[in-house]
């Protein structure tokens, strides 16, 4: 082997390293971002669900035998509260 061919190989290797450094950095950054996103999603899926709160305070609920009676009771209650206001 000659010194010239060894030098050309070293220069070519360094040149290849320089040219591939930027895409390698971008690929590693994208990989890190994807892994972080996956970790965040895993953490959010394994977190406990918030407690379910009732829509109404139990005192405001209407108990009736059917829908028609419940609608009449609701209308009567609303009219009475509106009249008293």
N, C-alpha and C. Protein backbone atom coordinates (compact mmCIF):
# COMPACT_ATOMS: atom_id res chain seq x y z
N UNK A 1 0.85 -1.18 0.00
CA UNK A 1 0.00 0.00 0.00
C UNK A 1 0.89 1.23 0.00
N UNK A 2 0.41 2.14 -0.70
CA UNK A 2 1.13 3.41 -0.76
C UNK A 2 0.54 4.38 0.24
N UNK A 3 1.31 5.37 0.52
CA UNK A 3 0.85 6.42 1.44
C UNK A 3 -0.30 7.21 0.82
N UNK A 4 -0.27 7.39 -0.46
CA UNK A 4 -1.32 8.16 -1.14
C UNK A 4 -2.67 7.47 -1.05
N UNK A 5 -2.68 6.15 -1.24
CA UNK A 5 -3.95 5.43 -1.19
C UNK A 5 -4.48 5.38 0.25
N UNK A 6 -3.60 5.27 1.23
CA UNK A 6 -4.03 5.30 2.63
C UNK A 6 -4.58 6.68 2.97
N UNK A 7 -3.90 7.72 2.52
CA UNK A 7 -4.37 9.08 2.78
C UNK A 7 -5.71 9.33 2.10
N UNK A 8 -5.87 8.82 0.88
CA UNK A 8 -7.15 8.99 0.17
C UNK A 8 -8.26 8.25 0.91
N UNK A 9 -7.98 7.09 1.43
CA UNK A 9 -8.98 6.35 2.21
C UNK A 9 -9.37 7.09 3.48
N UNK A 10 -8.38 7.66 4.17
CA UNK A 10 -8.67 8.41 5.39
C UNK A 10 -9.48 9.66 5.08
N UNK A 11 -9.08 10.38 4.03
CA UNK A 11 -9.80 11.60 3.64
C UNK A 11 -11.23 11.24 3.22
N UNK A 12 -11.40 10.16 2.47
CA UNK A 12 -12.74 9.74 2.06
C UNK A 12 -13.60 9.35 3.25
N UNK A 13 -13.00 8.67 4.22
CA UNK A 13 -13.74 8.30 5.42
C UNK A 13 -14.18 9.51 6.23
N UNK A 14 -13.27 10.46 6.38
CA UNK A 14 -13.61 11.68 7.12
C UNK A 14 -14.69 12.47 6.38
N UNK A 15 -14.56 12.54 5.05
CA UNK A 15 -15.55 13.25 4.25
C UNK A 15 -16.92 12.57 4.38
N UNK A 16 -16.96 11.24 4.33
CA UNK A 16 -18.22 10.51 4.52
C UNK A 16 -18.80 10.75 5.89
N UNK A 17 -17.96 10.78 6.91
CA UNK A 17 -18.42 11.05 8.27
C UNK A 17 -19.04 12.43 8.37
N UNK A 18 -18.40 13.41 7.77
CA UNK A 18 -18.92 14.78 7.81
C UNK A 18 -20.25 14.87 7.08
N UNK A 19 -20.35 14.21 5.93
CA UNK A 19 -21.59 14.29 5.15
C UNK A 19 -22.74 13.54 5.82
N UNK A 20 -22.46 12.51 6.57
CA UNK A 20 -23.52 11.74 7.21
C UNK A 20 -23.84 12.20 8.63
N UNK A 21 -23.11 13.15 9.17
CA UNK A 21 -23.33 13.59 10.54
C UNK A 21 -24.68 14.29 10.70
N UNK A 22 -25.05 15.17 9.77
CA UNK A 22 -26.32 15.91 9.87
C UNK A 22 -27.53 14.98 9.76
N UNK A 23 -27.60 14.08 8.76
CA UNK A 23 -28.75 13.17 8.73
C UNK A 23 -28.81 12.24 9.93
N UNK A 24 -27.65 11.84 10.44
CA UNK A 24 -27.63 10.99 11.62
C UNK A 24 -28.20 11.74 12.83
N UNK A 25 -27.85 13.00 12.98
CA UNK A 25 -28.39 13.81 14.08
C UNK A 25 -29.90 13.98 13.96
N UNK A 26 -30.38 14.21 12.75
CA UNK A 26 -31.83 14.34 12.53
C UNK A 26 -32.55 13.03 12.85
N UNK A 27 -31.98 11.91 12.42
CA UNK A 27 -32.60 10.62 12.66
C UNK A 27 -32.63 10.30 14.15
N UNK A 28 -31.55 10.59 14.85
CA UNK A 28 -31.52 10.34 16.29
C UNK A 28 -32.50 11.25 17.04
N UNK A 29 -32.64 12.49 16.59
CA UNK A 29 -33.60 13.41 17.20
C UNK A 29 -35.04 12.93 16.98
N UNK A 30 -35.34 12.44 15.77
CA UNK A 30 -36.68 11.93 15.49
C UNK A 30 -36.96 10.66 16.31
N UNK A 31 -35.95 9.81 16.46
CA UNK A 31 -36.11 8.60 17.26
C UNK A 31 -36.38 8.95 18.72
N UNK A 32 -35.65 9.90 19.25
CA UNK A 32 -35.87 10.33 20.63
C UNK A 32 -37.26 10.90 20.80
N UNK A 33 -37.70 11.71 19.84
CA UNK A 33 -39.04 12.31 19.91
C UNK A 33 -40.13 11.23 19.87
N UNK A 34 -39.96 10.24 19.01
CA UNK A 34 -40.95 9.16 18.92
C UNK A 34 -40.99 8.35 20.21
N UNK A 35 -39.83 8.08 20.78
CA UNK A 35 -39.81 7.33 22.05
C UNK A 35 -40.44 8.13 23.18
N UNK A 36 -40.21 9.44 23.20
CA UNK A 36 -40.80 10.27 24.24
C UNK A 36 -42.31 10.34 24.08
N UNK A 37 -42.79 10.45 22.85
CA UNK A 37 -44.24 10.46 22.60
C UNK A 37 -44.87 9.15 23.05
N UNK A 38 -44.21 8.04 22.75
CA UNK A 38 -44.73 6.74 23.17
C UNK A 38 -44.76 6.63 24.69
N UNK A 39 -43.73 7.12 25.35
CA UNK A 39 -43.71 7.07 26.81
C UNK A 39 -44.82 7.94 27.40
N UNK A 40 -45.05 9.11 26.81
CA UNK A 40 -46.11 9.99 27.29
C UNK A 40 -47.49 9.34 27.11
N UNK A 41 -47.72 8.72 25.96
CA UNK A 41 -49.00 8.06 25.71
C UNK A 41 -49.21 6.87 26.65
N UNK A 42 -48.14 6.12 26.89
CA UNK A 42 -48.24 4.99 27.81
C UNK A 42 -48.58 5.47 29.21
N UNK A 43 -47.95 6.56 29.63
CA UNK A 43 -48.22 7.10 30.96
C UNK A 43 -49.66 7.61 31.06
N UNK A 44 -50.14 8.27 30.01
CA UNK A 44 -51.51 8.80 30.08
C UNK A 44 -52.54 7.68 30.04
N UNK A 45 -52.24 6.58 29.34
CA UNK A 45 -53.19 5.47 29.29
C UNK A 45 -53.21 4.67 30.59
N UNK A 46 -52.09 4.65 31.28
CA UNK A 46 -52.05 3.87 32.52
C UNK A 46 -52.48 4.69 33.74
N UNK A 47 -52.71 5.98 33.55
CA UNK A 47 -53.14 6.83 34.67
C UNK A 47 -54.59 6.48 35.03
N UNK A 48 -54.94 6.59 36.30
CA UNK A 48 -56.32 6.29 36.69
C UNK A 48 -57.29 7.32 36.12
N UNK A 49 -58.48 6.86 35.81
CA UNK A 49 -59.51 7.75 35.28
C UNK A 49 -60.04 8.66 36.38
N UNK A 50 -60.40 9.89 36.03
CA UNK A 50 -60.97 10.77 37.05
C UNK A 50 -62.32 10.22 37.51
N UNK A 51 -62.70 10.51 38.73
CA UNK A 51 -63.98 9.98 39.22
C UNK A 51 -65.15 10.59 38.46
N UNK A 52 -66.17 9.80 38.27
CA UNK A 52 -67.36 10.26 37.57
C UNK A 52 -68.26 10.99 38.56
N UNK A 53 -68.55 12.23 38.24
CA UNK A 53 -69.43 13.02 39.11
C UNK A 53 -70.85 12.96 38.57
N UNK A 54 -71.82 12.96 39.43
CA UNK A 54 -73.20 12.96 38.95
C UNK A 54 -73.54 14.29 38.29
N UNK A 55 -74.45 14.25 37.34
CA UNK A 55 -74.85 15.48 36.64
C UNK A 55 -75.64 16.42 37.54
N UNK A 56 -76.40 15.86 38.44
CA UNK A 56 -77.24 16.65 39.34
C UNK A 56 -76.92 16.32 40.78
N UNK A 57 -77.21 17.27 41.62
CA UNK A 57 -77.16 17.01 43.05
C UNK A 57 -78.33 16.07 43.34
N UNK A 58 -78.15 15.08 44.20
CA UNK A 58 -79.24 14.12 44.43
C UNK A 58 -80.57 14.76 44.81
N UNK A 59 -80.54 15.92 45.47
CA UNK A 59 -81.81 16.57 45.86
C UNK A 59 -82.58 17.10 44.65
N UNK A 60 -81.92 17.35 43.53
CA UNK A 60 -82.59 17.91 42.36
C UNK A 60 -83.12 16.83 41.42
N UNK A 61 -82.85 15.59 41.69
CA UNK A 61 -83.31 14.51 40.83
C UNK A 61 -84.81 14.31 40.92
N UNK A 62 -85.41 13.86 39.82
CA UNK A 62 -86.85 13.58 39.78
C UNK A 62 -87.02 12.08 39.63
N UNK A 63 -87.78 11.50 40.52
CA UNK A 63 -88.10 10.08 40.41
C UNK A 63 -89.55 9.96 39.99
N UNK A 64 -89.77 9.25 38.91
CA UNK A 64 -91.14 9.09 38.40
C UNK A 64 -91.27 7.71 37.78
N UNK A 65 -92.51 7.29 37.60
CA UNK A 65 -92.78 5.96 37.04
C UNK A 65 -92.45 5.90 35.56
N UNK A 66 -92.71 7.01 34.82
CA UNK A 66 -92.40 7.01 33.39
C UNK A 66 -91.96 8.40 32.96
N UNK A 67 -91.67 8.53 31.68
CA UNK A 67 -91.14 9.78 31.15
C UNK A 67 -92.17 10.91 31.17
N UNK A 68 -93.40 10.60 30.91
CA UNK A 68 -94.46 11.62 30.88
C UNK A 68 -94.65 12.23 32.26
N UNK A 69 -94.71 11.41 33.26
CA UNK A 69 -94.88 11.92 34.64
C UNK A 69 -93.65 12.74 35.05
N UNK A 70 -92.48 12.29 34.64
CA UNK A 70 -91.26 13.04 34.96
C UNK A 70 -91.26 14.41 34.29
N UNK A 71 -91.70 14.48 33.03
CA UNK A 71 -91.76 15.75 32.32
C UNK A 71 -92.76 16.70 32.97
N UNK A 72 -93.92 16.18 33.38
CA UNK A 72 -94.92 17.01 34.06
C UNK A 72 -94.40 17.52 35.40
N UNK A 73 -93.74 16.64 36.14
CA UNK A 73 -93.18 17.05 37.44
C UNK A 73 -92.11 18.12 37.25
N UNK A 74 -91.28 17.95 36.24
CA UNK A 74 -90.24 18.94 35.96
C UNK A 74 -90.86 20.28 35.57
N UNK A 75 -91.87 20.26 34.71
CA UNK A 75 -92.52 21.51 34.29
C UNK A 75 -93.17 22.20 35.48
N UNK A 76 -93.83 21.44 36.33
CA UNK A 76 -94.47 22.01 37.53
C UNK A 76 -93.44 22.63 38.46
N UNK A 77 -92.34 21.93 38.65
CA UNK A 77 -91.27 22.44 39.52
C UNK A 77 -90.68 23.72 38.96
N UNK A 78 -90.42 23.74 37.67
CA UNK A 78 -89.84 24.94 37.05
C UNK A 78 -90.80 26.12 37.11
N UNK A 79 -92.08 25.88 36.86
CA UNK A 79 -93.05 26.96 36.92
C UNK A 79 -93.14 27.51 38.36
N UNK A 80 -93.14 26.62 39.33
CA UNK A 80 -93.22 27.06 40.73
C UNK A 80 -92.00 27.88 41.13
N UNK A 81 -90.81 27.41 40.72
CA UNK A 81 -89.59 28.17 41.08
C UNK A 81 -89.52 29.49 40.33
N UNK A 82 -89.99 29.52 39.07
CA UNK A 82 -89.98 30.76 38.30
C UNK A 82 -90.96 31.76 38.91
N UNK A 83 -92.10 31.29 39.35
CA UNK A 83 -93.11 32.18 39.95
C UNK A 83 -92.59 32.73 41.27
N UNK A 84 -91.85 31.91 42.01
CA UNK A 84 -91.36 32.40 43.32
C UNK A 84 -90.17 33.34 43.16
N UNK A 85 -89.51 33.29 42.02
CA UNK A 85 -88.36 34.18 41.80
C UNK A 85 -88.87 35.53 41.41
